[in-house]
Amino acid sequence: MNETRQEKFKRLASQRTNATLDKLRLIGNLSNKSNYDYSDADIKKIFNAIDTQLKGVKSKFLSKNRQEFKL
């Protein structure tokens, strides 16, 4: 199969996005207080980690100029 770069991107982006959404749904299952005990601090740590990673990934897509090392 001779896949173009665009086709490869779409295929991998779909697979990886769906895998990420599945993992987020699994995290959401932890919200059931009848099965789990957690604090507000625990929840804050989870969402801070997710938000930080998401911002980093998003900036890779939005960055037009990569910073270069300068003396």
PDB file of N, CA and C in Angstrom:
ATOM      1  N   MET A   1       0.846  -1.184   0.000  1.00  0.00           N
ATOM      2  CA  MET A   1       0.000   0.000   0.000  1.00  0.00           C
ATOM      3  C   MET A   1       0.886   1.241   0.000  1.00  0.00           C
ATOM      4  N   ASN A   2       0.628   2.133  -0.918  1.00  0.00           N
ATOM      5  CA  ASN A   2       1.388   3.363  -1.038  1.00  0.00           C
ATOM      6  C   ASN A   2       0.546   4.509  -0.474  1.00  0.00           C
ATOM      7  N   GLU A   3       0.641   4.726   0.806  1.00  0.00           N
ATOM      8  CA  GLU A   3      -0.178   5.697   1.526  1.00  0.00           C
ATOM      9  C   GLU A   3       0.481   7.079   1.468  1.00  0.00           C
ATOM     10  N   THR A   4      -0.312   8.110   1.196  1.00  0.00           N
ATOM     11  CA  THR A   4       0.232   9.472   1.198  1.00  0.00           C
ATOM     12  C   THR A   4       0.421   9.925   2.646  1.00  0.00           C
ATOM     13  N   ARG A   5       1.171  10.984   2.799  1.00  0.00           N
ATOM     14  CA  ARG A   5       1.389  11.529   4.139  1.00  0.00           C
ATOM     15  C   ARG A   5       0.083  12.005   4.757  1.00  0.00           C
ATOM     16  N   GLN A   6      -0.796  12.574   3.948  1.00  0.00           N
ATOM     17  CA  GLN A   6      -2.108  13.036   4.422  1.00  0.00           C
ATOM     18  C   GLN A   6      -2.969  11.856   4.872  1.00  0.00           C
ATOM     19  N   GLU A   7      -2.979  10.792   4.073  1.00  0.00           N
ATOM     20  CA  GLU A   7      -3.756   9.590   4.431  1.00  0.00           C
ATOM     21  C   GLU A   7      -3.219   8.964   5.712  1.00  0.00           C
ATOM     22  N   LYS A   8      -1.906   8.918   5.831  1.00  0.00           N
ATOM     23  CA  LYS A   8      -1.289   8.356   7.038  1.00  0.00           C
ATOM     24  C   LYS A   8      -1.657   9.189   8.262  1.00  0.00           C
ATOM     25  N   PHE A   9      -1.602  10.522   8.112  1.00  0.00           N
ATOM     26  CA  PHE A   9      -1.978  11.404   9.208  1.00  0.00           C
ATOM     27  C   PHE A   9      -3.416  11.148   9.646  1.00  0.00           C
ATOM     28  N   LYS A  10      -4.330  11.105   8.683  1.00  0.00           N
ATOM     29  CA  LYS A  10      -5.745  10.904   9.010  1.00  0.00           C
ATOM     30  C   LYS A  10      -5.981   9.562   9.697  1.00  0.00           C
ATOM     31  N   ARG A  11      -5.326   8.517   9.192  1.00  0.00           N
ATOM     32  CA  ARG A  11      -5.489   7.186   9.778  1.00  0.00           C
ATOM     33  C   ARG A  11      -4.980   7.159  11.215  1.00  0.00           C
ATOM     34  N   LEU A  12      -3.771   7.661  11.415  1.00  0.00           N
ATOM     35  CA  LEU A  12      -3.186   7.647  12.753  1.00  0.00           C
ATOM     36  C   LEU A  12      -3.899   8.609  13.703  1.00  0.00           C
ATOM     37  N   ALA A  13      -4.286   9.776  13.194  1.00  0.00           N
ATOM     38  CA  ALA A  13      -4.997  10.745  14.031  1.00  0.00           C
ATOM     39  C   ALA A  13      -6.325  10.172  14.520  1.00  0.00           C
ATOM     40  N   SER A  14      -7.037   9.477  13.653  1.00  0.00           N
ATOM     41  CA  SER A  14      -8.314   8.862  14.054  1.00  0.00           C
ATOM     42  C   SER A  14      -8.087   7.792  15.115  1.00  0.00           C
ATOM     43  N   GLN A  15      -7.123   6.922  14.889  1.00  0.00           N
ATOM     44  CA  GLN A  15      -6.836   5.852  15.848  1.00  0.00           C
ATOM     45  C   GLN A  15      -6.423   6.418  17.203  1.00  0.00           C
ATOM     46  N   ARG A  16      -5.507   7.369  17.182  1.00  0.00           N
ATOM     47  CA  ARG A  16      -4.980   7.913  18.434  1.00  0.00           C
ATOM     48  C   ARG A  16      -6.002   8.766  19.169  1.00  0.00           C
ATOM     49  N   THR A  17      -6.821   9.519  18.413  1.00  0.00           N
ATOM     50  CA  THR A  17      -7.865  10.322  19.054  1.00  0.00           C
ATOM     51  C   THR A  17      -8.907   9.419  19.700  1.00  0.00           C
ATOM     52  N   ASN A  18      -9.326   8.375  19.000  1.00  0.00           N
ATOM     53  CA  ASN A  18     -10.308   7.448  19.581  1.00  0.00           C
ATOM     54  C   ASN A  18      -9.745   6.738  20.809  1.00  0.00           C
ATOM     55  N   ALA A  19      -8.472   6.376  20.789  1.00  0.00           N
ATOM     56  CA  ALA A  19      -7.848   5.735  21.952  1.00  0.00           C
ATOM     57  C   ALA A  19      -7.811   6.699  23.134  1.00  0.00           C
ATOM     58  N   THR A  20      -7.511   7.959  22.864  1.00  0.00           N
ATOM     59  CA  THR A  20      -7.480   8.977  23.921  1.00  0.00           C
ATOM     60  C   THR A  20      -8.862   9.197  24.503  1.00  0.00           C
ATOM     61  N   LEU A  21      -9.873   9.277  23.642  1.00  0.00           N
ATOM     62  CA  LEU A  21     -11.253   9.459  24.119  1.00  0.00           C
ATOM     63  C   LEU A  21     -11.701   8.272  24.969  1.00  0.00           C
ATOM     64  N   ASP A  22     -11.315   7.074  24.583  1.00  0.00           N
ATOM     65  CA  ASP A  22     -11.641   5.888  25.380  1.00  0.00           C
ATOM     66  C   ASP A  22     -11.001   5.975  26.769  1.00  0.00           C
ATOM     67  N   LYS A  23      -9.749   6.392  26.824  1.00  0.00           N
ATOM     68  CA  LYS A  23      -9.057   6.527  28.113  1.00  0.00           C
ATOM     69  C   LYS A  23      -9.714   7.593  28.976  1.00  0.00           C
ATOM     70  N   LEU A  24     -10.154   8.689  28.360  1.00  0.00           N
ATOM     71  CA  LEU A  24     -10.847   9.733  29.118  1.00  0.00           C
ATOM     72  C   LEU A  24     -12.168   9.221  29.685  1.00  0.00           C
ATOM     73  N   ARG A  25     -12.867   8.399  28.908  1.00  0.00           N
ATOM     74  CA  ARG A  25     -14.113   7.804  29.418  1.00  0.00           C
ATOM     75  C   ARG A  25     -13.821   6.917  30.621  1.00  0.00           C
ATOM     76  N   LEU A  26     -12.708   6.191  30.569  1.00  0.00           N
ATOM     77  CA  LEU A  26     -12.326   5.341  31.702  1.00  0.00           C
ATOM     78  C   LEU A  26     -12.011   6.177  32.944  1.00  0.00           C
ATOM     79  N   ILE A  27     -11.362   7.321  32.748  1.00  0.00           N
ATOM     80  CA  ILE A  27     -11.121   8.214  33.881  1.00  0.00           C
ATOM     81  C   ILE A  27     -12.450   8.703  34.439  1.00  0.00           C
ATOM     82  N   GLY A  28     -13.390   9.004  33.556  1.00  0.00           N
ATOM     83  CA  GLY A  28     -14.717   9.437  33.991  1.00  0.00           C
ATOM     84  C   GLY A  28     -15.420   8.393  34.847  1.00  0.00           C
ATOM     85  N   ASN A  29     -15.159   7.124  34.580  1.00  0.00           N
ATOM     86  CA  ASN A  29     -15.759   6.060  35.398  1.00  0.00           C
ATOM     87  C   ASN A  29     -15.317   6.136  36.854  1.00  0.00           C
ATOM     88  N   LEU A  30     -14.168   6.748  37.108  1.00  0.00           N
ATOM     89  CA  LEU A  30     -13.671   6.883  38.478  1.00  0.00           C
ATOM     90  C   LEU A  30     -14.512   7.849  39.312  1.00  0.00           C
ATOM     91  N   SER A  31     -15.399   8.590  38.678  1.00  0.00           N
ATOM     92  CA  SER A  31     -16.214   9.575  39.403  1.00  0.00           C
ATOM     93  C   SER A  31     -17.321   8.936  40.235  1.00  0.00           C
ATOM     94  N   ASN A  32     -17.542   7.647  40.074  1.00  0.00           N
ATOM     95  CA  ASN A  32     -18.600   6.948  40.802  1.00  0.00           C
ATOM     96  C   ASN A  32     -18.225   6.816  42.281  1.00  0.00           C
ATOM     97  N   LYS A  33     -18.827   7.664  43.117  1.00  0.00           N
ATOM     98  CA  LYS A  33     -18.512   7.702  44.554  1.00  0.00           C
ATOM     99  C   LYS A  33     -18.900   6.419  45.284  1.00  0.00           C
ATOM    100  N   SER A  34     -19.793   5.631  44.717  1.00  0.00           N
ATOM    101  CA  SER A  34     -20.158   4.389  45.391  1.00  0.00           C
ATOM    102  C   SER A  34     -19.074   3.320  45.214  1.00  0.00           C
ATOM    103  N   ASN A  35     -18.183   3.512  44.250  1.00  0.00           N
ATOM    104  CA  ASN A  35     -17.093   2.560  44.024  1.00  0.00           C
ATOM    105  C   ASN A  35     -15.726   3.088  44.422  1.00  0.00           C
ATOM    106  N   TYR A  36     -15.578   4.403  44.489  1.00  0.00           N
ATOM    107  CA  TYR A  36     -14.264   5.002  44.717  1.00  0.00           C
ATOM    108  C   TYR A  36     -14.363   6.123  45.737  1.00  0.00           C
ATOM    109  N   ASP A  37     -13.256   6.359  46.422  1.00  0.00           N
ATOM    110  CA  ASP A  37     -13.151   7.458  47.367  1.00  0.00           C
ATOM    111  C   ASP A  37     -11.998   8.341  46.920  1.00  0.00           C
ATOM    112  N   TYR A  38     -12.262   9.622  46.767  1.00  0.00           N
ATOM    113  CA  TYR A  38     -11.234  10.549  46.302  1.00  0.00           C
ATOM    114  C   TYR A  38     -11.524  11.934  46.848  1.00  0.00           C
ATOM    115  N   SER A  39     -10.493  12.752  46.852  1.00  0.00           N
ATOM    116  CA  SER A  39     -10.632  14.118  47.352  1.00  0.00           C
ATOM    117  C   SER A  39     -10.639  15.109  46.182  1.00  0.00           C
ATOM    118  N   ASP A  40     -10.984  16.338  46.503  1.00  0.00           N
ATOM    119  CA  ASP A  40     -10.923  17.391  45.493  1.00  0.00           C
ATOM    120  C   ASP A  40      -9.488  17.578  45.007  1.00  0.00           C
ATOM    121  N   ALA A  41      -8.533  17.398  45.909  1.00  0.00           N
ATOM    122  CA  ALA A  41      -7.116  17.523  45.535  1.00  0.00           C
ATOM    123  C   ALA A  41      -6.728  16.445  44.521  1.00  0.00           C
ATOM    124  N   ASP A  42      -7.247  15.231  44.699  1.00  0.00           N
ATOM    125  CA  ASP A  42      -6.970  14.152  43.746  1.00  0.00           C
ATOM    126  C   ASP A  42      -7.474  14.516  42.354  1.00  0.00           C
ATOM    127  N   ILE A  43      -8.680  15.031  42.310  1.00  0.00           N
ATOM    128  CA  ILE A  43      -9.296  15.403  41.032  1.00  0.00           C
ATOM    129  C   ILE A  43      -8.511  16.541  40.393  1.00  0.00           C
ATOM    130  N   LYS A  44      -8.112  17.515  41.211  1.00  0.00           N
ATOM    131  CA  LYS A  44      -7.338  18.649  40.691  1.00  0.00           C
ATOM    132  C   LYS A  44      -6.026  18.165  40.070  1.00  0.00           C
ATOM    133  N   LYS A  45      -5.349  17.212  40.715  1.00  0.00           N
ATOM    134  CA  LYS A  45      -4.091  16.673  40.177  1.00  0.00           C
ATOM    135  C   LYS A  45      -4.313  15.999  38.829  1.00  0.00           C
ATOM    136  N   ILE A  46      -5.383  15.217  38.728  1.00  0.00           N
ATOM    137  CA  ILE A  46      -5.685  14.519  37.473  1.00  0.00           C
ATOM    138  C   ILE A  46      -5.897  15.522  36.346  1.00  0.00           C
ATOM    139  N   PHE A  47      -6.763  16.510  36.581  1.00  0.00           N
ATOM    140  CA  PHE A  47      -7.099  17.445  35.520  1.00  0.00           C
ATOM    141  C   PHE A  47      -5.980  18.440  35.221  1.00  0.00           C
ATOM    142  N   ASN A  48      -5.161  18.758  36.210  1.00  0.00           N
ATOM    143  CA  ASN A  48      -3.991  19.593  35.934  1.00  0.00           C
ATOM    144  C   ASN A  48      -3.023  18.857  35.014  1.00  0.00           C
ATOM    145  N   ALA A  49      -2.811  17.572  35.268  1.00  0.00           N
ATOM    146  CA  ALA A  49      -1.915  16.778  34.420  1.00  0.00           C
ATOM    147  C   ALA A  49      -2.455  16.682  32.998  1.00  0.00           C
ATOM    148  N   ILE A  50      -3.747  16.426  32.875  1.00  0.00           N
ATOM    149  CA  ILE A  50      -4.364  16.329  31.542  1.00  0.00           C
ATOM    150  C   ILE A  50      -4.291  17.674  30.820  1.00  0.00           C
ATOM    151  N   ASP A  51      -4.656  18.753  31.522  1.00  0.00           N
ATOM    152  CA  ASP A  51      -4.638  20.088  30.913  1.00  0.00           C
ATOM    153  C   ASP A  51      -3.231  20.488  30.461  1.00  0.00           C
ATOM    154  N   THR A  52      -2.236  20.206  31.301  1.00  0.00           N
ATOM    155  CA  THR A  52      -0.854  20.547  30.961  1.00  0.00           C
ATOM    156  C   THR A  52      -0.399  19.811  29.703  1.00  0.00           C
ATOM    157  N   GLN A  53      -0.675  18.522  29.653  1.00  0.00           N
ATOM    158  CA  GLN A  53      -0.279  17.733  28.481  1.00  0.00           C
ATOM    159  C   GLN A  53      -1.021  18.191  27.234  1.00  0.00           C
ATOM    160  N   LEU A  54      -2.304  18.465  27.368  1.00  0.00           N
ATOM    161  CA  LEU A  54      -3.106  18.909  26.229  1.00  0.00           C
ATOM    162  C   LEU A  54      -2.598  20.244  25.687  1.00  0.00           C
ATOM    163  N   LYS A  55      -2.272  21.172  26.577  1.00  0.00           N
ATOM    164  CA  LYS A  55      -1.746  22.465  26.134  1.00  0.00           C
ATOM    165  C   LYS A  55      -0.429  22.295  25.380  1.00  0.00           C
ATOM    166  N   GLY A  56       0.424  21.391  25.864  1.00  0.00           N
ATOM    167  CA  GLY A  56       1.697  21.142  25.197  1.00  0.00           C
ATOM    168  C   GLY A  56       1.515  20.576  23.807  1.00  0.00           C
ATOM    169  N   VAL A  57       0.623  19.614  23.678  1.00  0.00           N
ATOM    170  CA  VAL A  57       0.364  19.001  22.375  1.00  0.00           C
ATOM    171  C   VAL A  57      -0.281  20.019  21.437  1.00  0.00           C
ATOM    172  N   LYS A  58      -1.225  20.769  21.947  1.00  0.00           N
ATOM    173  CA  LYS A  58      -1.913  21.773  21.128  1.00  0.00           C
ATOM    174  C   LYS A  58      -0.924  22.814  20.614  1.00  0.00           C
ATOM    175  N   SER A  59       0.018  23.214  21.454  1.00  0.00           N
ATOM    176  CA  SER A  59       0.987  24.228  21.025  1.00  0.00           C
ATOM    177  C   SER A  59       1.873  23.706  19.902  1.00  0.00           C
ATOM    178  N   LYS A  60       2.122  22.403  19.858  1.00  0.00           N
ATOM    179  CA  LYS A  60       2.904  21.834  18.752  1.00  0.00           C
ATOM    180  C   LYS A  60       2.190  22.017  17.416  1.00  0.00           C
ATOM    181  N   PHE A  61       0.879  21.907  17.432  1.00  0.00           N
ATOM    182  CA  PHE A  61       0.103  22.064  16.201  1.00  0.00           C
ATOM    183  C   PHE A  61      -0.073  23.535  15.821  1.00  0.00           C
ATOM    184  N   LEU A  62      -0.123  24.412  16.815  1.00  0.00           N
ATOM    185  CA  LEU A  62      -0.404  25.817  16.547  1.00  0.00           C
ATOM    186  C   LEU A  62       0.853  26.648  16.321  1.00  0.00           C
ATOM    187  N   SER A  63       1.994  26.142  16.732  1.00  0.00           N
ATOM    188  CA  SER A  63       3.245  26.884  16.617  1.00  0.00           C
ATOM    189  C   SER A  63       3.660  27.002  15.151  1.00  0.00           C
ATOM    190  N   LYS A  64       3.832  28.225  14.710  1.00  0.00           N
ATOM    191  CA  LYS A  64       4.240  28.447  13.325  1.00  0.00           C
ATOM    192  C   LYS A  64       5.754  28.529  13.211  1.00  0.00           C
ATOM    193  N   ASN A  65       6.376  29.053  14.232  1.00  0.00           N
ATOM    194  CA  ASN A  65       7.828  29.182  14.228  1.00  0.00           C
ATOM    195  C   ASN A  65       8.416  28.431  15.412  1.00  0.00           C
ATOM    196  N   ARG A  66       9.309  27.550  15.097  1.00  0.00           N
ATOM    197  CA  ARG A  66      10.007  26.856  16.179  1.00  0.00           C
ATOM    198  C   ARG A  66      11.104  27.769  16.682  1.00  0.00           C
ATOM    199  N   GLN A  67      11.244  27.795  17.991  1.00  0.00           N
ATOM    200  CA  GLN A  67      12.283  28.623  18.570  1.00  0.00           C
ATOM    201  C   GLN A  67      13.644  28.007  18.296  1.00  0.00           C
ATOM    202  N   GLU A  68      14.590  28.877  18.000  1.00  0.00           N
ATOM    203  CA  GLU A  68      15.936  28.429  17.753  1.00  0.00           C
ATOM    204  C   GLU A  68      16.841  28.932  18.871  1.00  0.00           C
ATOM    205  N   PHE A  69      17.881  28.181  19.102  1.00  0.00           N
ATOM    206  CA  PHE A  69      18.847  28.566  20.105  1.00  0.00           C
ATOM    207  C   PHE A  69      19.643  29.765  19.606  1.00  0.00           C
ATOM    208  N   LYS A  70      19.795  30.765  20.459  1.00  0.00           N
ATOM    209  CA  LYS A  70      20.569  31.962  20.115  1.00  0.00           C
ATOM    210  C   LYS A  70      21.460  32.327  21.273  1.00  0.00           C
ATOM    211  N   LEU A  71      22.669  32.733  20.968  1.00  0.00           N
ATOM    212  CA  LEU A  71      23.595  33.222  22.013  1.00  0.00           C
ATOM    213  C   LEU A  71      23.556  34.715  22.102  1.00  0.00           C
TER     214      LEU A  71
END
